[in-house]
Amino acid sequence: MNSRAAVFIDNGYFSKVLKKDHDEARVDFGKFSDNICKGCERFRTYFYDCPPYQSAIPTLDERQRTAEADKFHYSLNRLPRFEVRLGRLQKTNSVPQFVQKGVDVLLSVDLVRLSWSNKIDKAILVTGDSDFVPAVAAAKDAGVIVEMQYSPTQAYSDELFQICDDRFKITKELIKDSLMHR
């Protein structure tokens, strides 16, 4: 029997990796997910993101960014065995900046739920955030092998790196093999 793997992509992290390490490569996320499953059956890919911020009365720019994000998320949801999970962006009061809300919790809940329901044998995380350490520990307690896909040039948590069973660099070859066809 083939092992079943779930892929968990934190788009906040992965988009930085693509932008800074891979010249903003346009990745086919289905192909990327299958490539990192390395011989396991891909149960499903979960893609975590936030729609762009919109003010109470959205500007034209805000509406355009939202329309583009909606189109992107819609195209991802149409991929086989793919599910988009959306948090929200919150504007901070002190400095005009935005923070993601809910994304880490969504990923953690999905990871723990799938692990303890015996739906998966392996969890493949594309993230670098230490907030996931307790969820990874819980998944491992359920007998799931947890793998981390990371970029050495982007910030990632040493604690997350250490707790994961396996760690693989997001290489130029992996991205090249996962590009969209034009």
C-alpha atoms as a PDB file:
ATOM      1  CA  MET A   1       0.000   0.000   0.000  1.00  0.00           C
ATOM      2  CA  ASN A   2       1.261   3.453  -0.934  1.00  0.00           C
ATOM      3  CA  SER A   3       1.835   6.038   1.771  1.00  0.00           C
ATOM      4  CA  ARG A   4      -0.508   9.015   1.665  1.00  0.00           C
ATOM      5  CA  ALA A   5       0.911  12.503   1.984  1.00  0.00           C
ATOM      6  CA  ALA A   6      -0.721  15.877   2.494  1.00  0.00           C
ATOM      7  CA  VAL A   7       1.046  19.044   1.397  1.00  0.00           C
ATOM      8  CA  PHE A   8       0.617  22.223   3.456  1.00  0.00           C
ATOM      9  CA  ILE A   9       1.740  25.387   1.627  1.00  0.00           C
ATOM     10  CA  ASP A  10       2.018  28.645   3.559  1.00  0.00           C
ATOM     11  CA  ASN A  11       1.805  31.093   0.656  1.00  0.00           C
ATOM     12  CA  GLY A  12       3.216  33.941   2.741  1.00  0.00           C
ATOM     13  CA  TYR A  13       6.451  31.954   3.023  1.00  0.00           C
ATOM     14  CA  PHE A  14       6.468  30.242  -0.375  1.00  0.00           C
ATOM     15  CA  SER A  15       5.770  33.430  -2.337  1.00  0.00           C
ATOM     16  CA  LYS A  16       8.847  35.035  -0.707  1.00  0.00           C
ATOM     17  CA  VAL A  17      10.942  32.001  -1.667  1.00  0.00           C
ATOM     18  CA  LEU A  18       9.745  32.221  -5.271  1.00  0.00           C
ATOM     19  CA  LYS A  19      10.249  35.973  -5.435  1.00  0.00           C
ATOM     20  CA  LYS A  20      13.690  36.177  -3.856  1.00  0.00           C
ATOM     21  CA  ASP A  21      15.281  32.847  -4.796  1.00  0.00           C
ATOM     22  CA  HIS A  22      13.644  31.944  -8.105  1.00  0.00           C
ATOM     23  CA  ASP A  23      13.057  35.204 -10.030  1.00  0.00           C
ATOM     24  CA  GLU A  24       9.309  35.150  -9.294  1.00  0.00           C
ATOM     25  CA  ALA A  25       8.900  31.824 -11.086  1.00  0.00           C
ATOM     26  CA  ARG A  26       5.338  30.904 -12.054  1.00  0.00           C
ATOM     27  CA  VAL A  27       4.842  27.525 -10.429  1.00  0.00           C
ATOM     28  CA  ASP A  28       2.187  24.969 -11.313  1.00  0.00           C
ATOM     29  CA  PHE A  29       1.120  24.235  -7.735  1.00  0.00           C
ATOM     30  CA  GLY A  30      -0.360  20.845  -8.614  1.00  0.00           C
ATOM     31  CA  LYS A  31       2.882  19.762 -10.264  1.00  0.00           C
ATOM     32  CA  PHE A  32       4.930  21.220  -7.388  1.00  0.00           C
ATOM     33  CA  SER A  33       2.802  19.296  -4.865  1.00  0.00           C
ATOM     34  CA  ASP A  34       3.169  16.035  -6.773  1.00  0.00           C
ATOM     35  CA  ASN A  35       6.933  16.586  -7.128  1.00  0.00           C
ATOM     36  CA  ILE A  36       7.513  17.041  -3.399  1.00  0.00           C
ATOM     37  CA  CYS A  37       5.405  13.969  -2.535  1.00  0.00           C
ATOM     38  CA  LYS A  38       8.253  11.819  -3.916  1.00  0.00           C
ATOM     39  CA  GLY A  39       6.448   8.558  -4.567  1.00  0.00           C
ATOM     40  CA  CYS A  40       3.687   8.954  -2.001  1.00  0.00           C
ATOM     41  CA  GLU A  41       0.087   9.256  -3.080  1.00  0.00           C
ATOM     42  CA  ARG A  42      -0.893  12.909  -2.651  1.00  0.00           C
ATOM     43  CA  PHE A  43      -4.005  12.885  -0.498  1.00  0.00           C
ATOM     44  CA  ARG A  44      -4.544  16.631  -0.876  1.00  0.00           C
ATOM     45  CA  THR A  45      -2.725  19.949  -0.991  1.00  0.00           C
ATOM     46  CA  TYR A  46      -3.820  22.675   1.387  1.00  0.00           C
ATOM     47  CA  PHE A  47      -2.871  26.196   0.333  1.00  0.00           C
ATOM     48  CA  TYR A  48      -3.006  28.893   3.028  1.00  0.00           C
ATOM     49  CA  ASP A  49      -3.274  32.536   2.068  1.00  0.00           C
ATOM     50  CA  CYS A  50      -4.983  35.829   2.829  1.00  0.00           C
ATOM     51  CA  PRO A  51      -6.984  37.869   0.374  1.00  0.00           C
ATOM     52  CA  PRO A  52      -5.708  41.429  -0.060  1.00  0.00           C
ATOM     53  CA  TYR A  53      -6.851  44.029   2.428  1.00  0.00           C
ATOM     54  CA  GLN A  54      -9.885  46.087   1.458  1.00  0.00           C
ATOM     55  CA  SER A  55     -10.917  49.209   3.284  1.00  0.00           C
ATOM     56  CA  ALA A  56     -14.570  49.880   4.135  1.00  0.00           C
ATOM     57  CA  ILE A  57     -14.866  51.783   0.872  1.00  0.00           C
ATOM     58  CA  PRO A  58     -12.385  49.953  -1.375  1.00  0.00           C
ATOM     59  CA  THR A  59     -10.207  51.902  -3.746  1.00  0.00           C
ATOM     60  CA  LEU A  60      -9.935  50.881  -7.393  1.00  0.00           C
ATOM     61  CA  ASP A  61      -6.505  49.408  -6.653  1.00  0.00           C
ATOM     62  CA  GLU A  62      -7.871  47.372  -3.722  1.00  0.00           C
ATOM     63  CA  ARG A  63     -10.729  46.051  -5.871  1.00  0.00           C
ATOM     64  CA  GLN A  64      -8.308  45.062  -8.659  1.00  0.00           C
ATOM     65  CA  ARG A  65      -5.959  43.261  -6.258  1.00  0.00           C
ATOM     66  CA  THR A  66      -8.919  41.425  -4.728  1.00  0.00           C
ATOM     67  CA  ALA A  67     -10.235  40.397  -8.151  1.00  0.00           C
ATOM     68  CA  GLU A  68      -6.785  39.044  -9.117  1.00  0.00           C
ATOM     69  CA  ALA A  69      -6.483  37.135  -5.824  1.00  0.00           C
ATOM     70  CA  ASP A  70     -10.005  35.702  -6.230  1.00  0.00           C
ATOM     71  CA  LYS A  71      -9.132  34.514  -9.744  1.00  0.00           C
ATOM     72  CA  PHE A  72      -5.886  32.933  -8.460  1.00  0.00           C
ATOM     73  CA  HIS A  73      -7.611  31.163  -5.552  1.00  0.00           C
ATOM     74  CA  TYR A  74     -10.427  29.988  -7.856  1.00  0.00           C
ATOM     75  CA  SER A  75      -7.877  28.466 -10.263  1.00  0.00           C
ATOM     76  CA  LEU A  76      -6.140  26.671  -7.367  1.00  0.00           C
ATOM     77  CA  ASN A  77      -9.415  25.253  -6.063  1.00  0.00           C
ATOM     78  CA  ARG A  78     -10.028  23.753  -9.525  1.00  0.00           C
ATOM     79  CA  LEU A  79      -6.835  21.674  -9.306  1.00  0.00           C
ATOM     80  CA  PRO A  80      -7.290  18.011  -8.382  1.00  0.00           C
ATOM     81  CA  ARG A  81      -7.044  17.353  -4.648  1.00  0.00           C
ATOM     82  CA  PHE A  82      -6.446  20.989  -3.832  1.00  0.00           C
ATOM     83  CA  GLU A  83      -8.030  23.139  -1.175  1.00  0.00           C
ATOM     84  CA  VAL A  84      -7.500  26.827  -0.481  1.00  0.00           C
ATOM     85  CA  ARG A  85      -7.808  27.999   3.105  1.00  0.00           C
ATOM     86  CA  LEU A  86      -8.070  31.744   3.641  1.00  0.00           C
ATOM     87  CA  GLY A  87      -7.233  33.797   6.688  1.00  0.00           C
ATOM     88  CA  ARG A  88      -7.571  37.559   6.693  1.00  0.00           C
ATOM     89  CA  LEU A  89      -5.307  40.575   6.619  1.00  0.00           C
ATOM     90  CA  GLN A  90      -5.622  42.986   9.498  1.00  0.00           C
ATOM     91  CA  LYS A  91      -4.332  46.524   9.364  1.00  0.00           C
ATOM     92  CA  THR A  92      -2.318  47.484  12.444  1.00  0.00           C
ATOM     93  CA  ASN A  93      -3.039  50.829  14.089  1.00  0.00           C
ATOM     94  CA  SER A  94       0.445  51.899  15.097  1.00  0.00           C
ATOM     95  CA  VAL A  95       2.205  51.624  11.754  1.00  0.00           C
ATOM     96  CA  PRO A  96       0.350  51.269   8.457  1.00  0.00           C
ATOM     97  CA  GLN A  97       1.182  47.621   7.968  1.00  0.00           C
ATOM     98  CA  PHE A  98      -0.793  44.407   7.599  1.00  0.00           C
ATOM     99  CA  VAL A  99      -0.596  41.126   9.484  1.00  0.00           C
ATOM    100  CA  GLN A 100      -2.063  37.754   8.580  1.00  0.00           C
ATOM    101  CA  LYS A 101      -4.674  36.432  10.953  1.00  0.00           C
ATOM    102  CA  GLY A 102      -5.946  32.872  11.150  1.00  0.00           C
ATOM    103  CA  VAL A 103      -3.571  31.254   8.651  1.00  0.00           C
ATOM    104  CA  ASP A 104      -1.347  29.533  11.229  1.00  0.00           C
ATOM    105  CA  VAL A 105      -4.353  28.226  13.141  1.00  0.00           C
ATOM    106  CA  LEU A 106      -5.989  26.866   9.968  1.00  0.00           C
ATOM    107  CA  LEU A 107      -2.806  25.017   8.977  1.00  0.00           C
ATOM    108  CA  SER A 108      -2.240  23.671  12.494  1.00  0.00           C
ATOM    109  CA  VAL A 109      -5.818  22.412  12.842  1.00  0.00           C
ATOM    110  CA  ASP A 110      -5.694  20.692   9.437  1.00  0.00           C
ATOM    111  CA  LEU A 111      -2.343  19.072  10.218  1.00  0.00           C
ATOM    112  CA  VAL A 112      -3.475  17.713  13.579  1.00  0.00           C
ATOM    113  CA  ARG A 113      -6.938  16.664  12.340  1.00  0.00           C
ATOM    114  CA  LEU A 114      -5.567  14.719   9.352  1.00  0.00           C
ATOM    115  CA  SER A 115      -2.821  13.133  11.445  1.00  0.00           C
ATOM    116  CA  TRP A 116      -5.027  11.902  14.261  1.00  0.00           C
ATOM    117  CA  SER A 117      -7.782  10.669  11.911  1.00  0.00           C
ATOM    118  CA  ASN A 118      -5.199   8.444  10.156  1.00  0.00           C
ATOM    119  CA  LYS A 119      -5.900  10.065   6.774  1.00  0.00           C
ATOM    120  CA  ILE A 120      -2.183  10.620   6.082  1.00  0.00           C
ATOM    121  CA  ASP A 121       1.151   8.940   6.718  1.00  0.00           C
ATOM    122  CA  LYS A 122       3.270  11.966   5.830  1.00  0.00           C
ATOM    123  CA  ALA A 123       2.826  15.729   6.151  1.00  0.00           C
ATOM    124  CA  ILE A 124       4.909  17.970   3.907  1.00  0.00           C
ATOM    125  CA  LEU A 125       5.167  21.544   5.168  1.00  0.00           C
ATOM    126  CA  VAL A 126       6.235  24.414   2.927  1.00  0.00           C
ATOM    127  CA  THR A 127       6.776  27.000   5.634  1.00  0.00           C
ATOM    128  CA  GLY A 128       9.331  28.256   8.106  1.00  0.00           C
ATOM    129  CA  ASP A 129       7.196  29.448  11.019  1.00  0.00           C
ATOM    130  CA  SER A 130       7.844  28.312  14.605  1.00  0.00           C
ATOM    131  CA  ASP A 131       4.114  28.662  15.365  1.00  0.00           C
ATOM    132  CA  PHE A 132       3.677  25.211  13.797  1.00  0.00           C
ATOM    133  CA  VAL A 133       5.979  23.402  16.250  1.00  0.00           C
ATOM    134  CA  PRO A 134       3.161  22.225  18.613  1.00  0.00           C
ATOM    135  CA  ALA A 135       1.083  20.966  15.653  1.00  0.00           C
ATOM    136  CA  VAL A 136       4.108  19.125  14.234  1.00  0.00           C
ATOM    137  CA  ALA A 137       4.702  17.506  17.642  1.00  0.00           C
ATOM    138  CA  ALA A 138       1.050  16.398  17.757  1.00  0.00           C
ATOM    139  CA  ALA A 139       1.249  14.997  14.206  1.00  0.00           C
ATOM    140  CA  LYS A 140       4.399  13.056  15.103  1.00  0.00           C
ATOM    141  CA  ASP A 141       2.649  11.702  18.223  1.00  0.00           C
ATOM    142  CA  ALA A 142      -0.025  10.333  15.853  1.00  0.00           C
ATOM    143  CA  GLY A 143       2.681   8.480  13.911  1.00  0.00           C
ATOM    144  CA  VAL A 144       2.896  10.842  10.943  1.00  0.00           C
ATOM    145  CA  ILE A 145       6.279  11.574   9.347  1.00  0.00           C
ATOM    146  CA  VAL A 146       6.644  15.352   9.052  1.00  0.00           C
ATOM    147  CA  GLU A 147       8.814  16.825   6.328  1.00  0.00           C
ATOM    148  CA  MET A 148       9.840  20.448   5.887  1.00  0.00           C
ATOM    149  CA  GLN A 149      10.511  22.049   2.505  1.00  0.00           C
ATOM    150  CA  TYR A 150      12.526  25.224   3.069  1.00  0.00           C
ATOM    151  CA  SER A 151      14.855  27.774   1.549  1.00  0.00           C
ATOM    152  CA  PRO A 152      18.183  28.347   3.296  1.00  0.00           C
ATOM    153  CA  THR A 153      18.173  31.981   2.111  1.00  0.00           C
ATOM    154  CA  GLN A 154      14.793  32.805   3.679  1.00  0.00           C
ATOM    155  CA  ALA A 155      14.105  33.081   7.391  1.00  0.00           C
ATOM    156  CA  TYR A 156      12.904  29.859   8.962  1.00  0.00           C
ATOM    157  CA  SER A 157      12.626  28.652  12.526  1.00  0.00           C
ATOM    158  CA  ASP A 158      15.439  26.472  13.820  1.00  0.00           C
ATOM    159  CA  GLU A 159      12.947  24.947  16.257  1.00  0.00           C
ATOM    160  CA  LEU A 160      10.666  23.907  13.354  1.00  0.00           C
ATOM    161  CA  PHE A 161      13.685  22.640  11.410  1.00  0.00           C
ATOM    162  CA  GLN A 162      14.770  20.473  14.351  1.00  0.00           C
ATOM    163  CA  ILE A 163      11.352  18.982  15.165  1.00  0.00           C
ATOM    164  CA  CYS A 164      10.605  17.889  11.579  1.00  0.00           C
ATOM    165  CA  ASP A 165      11.620  14.329  10.708  1.00  0.00           C
ATOM    166  CA  ASP A 166      13.012  15.212   7.278  1.00  0.00           C
ATOM    167  CA  ARG A 167      14.127  18.488   5.716  1.00  0.00           C
ATOM    168  CA  PHE A 168      14.606  19.287   2.037  1.00  0.00           C
ATOM    169  CA  LYS A 169      15.780  22.464   0.351  1.00  0.00           C
ATOM    170  CA  ILE A 170      13.555  24.033  -2.267  1.00  0.00           C
ATOM    171  CA  THR A 171      16.050  23.747  -5.105  1.00  0.00           C
ATOM    172  CA  LYS A 172      16.244  25.422  -8.495  1.00  0.00           C
ATOM    173  CA  GLU A 173      15.719  21.950 -10.051  1.00  0.00           C
ATOM    174  CA  LEU A 174      12.507  21.415  -8.066  1.00  0.00           C
ATOM    175  CA  ILE A 175      11.150  24.791  -9.147  1.00  0.00           C
ATOM    176  CA  LYS A 176      12.220  24.199 -12.765  1.00  0.00           C
ATOM    177  CA  ASP A 177      10.415  20.827 -12.760  1.00  0.00           C
ATOM    178  CA  SER A 178       7.297  22.551 -11.335  1.00  0.00           C
ATOM    179  CA  LEU A 179       6.995  25.508 -13.720  1.00  0.00           C
ATOM    180  CA  MET A 180       3.775  26.320 -15.530  1.00  0.00           C
ATOM    181  CA  HIS A 181       3.750  25.708 -19.255  1.00  0.00           C
ATOM    182  CA  ARG A 182       3.003  28.818 -21.220  1.00  0.00           C
END
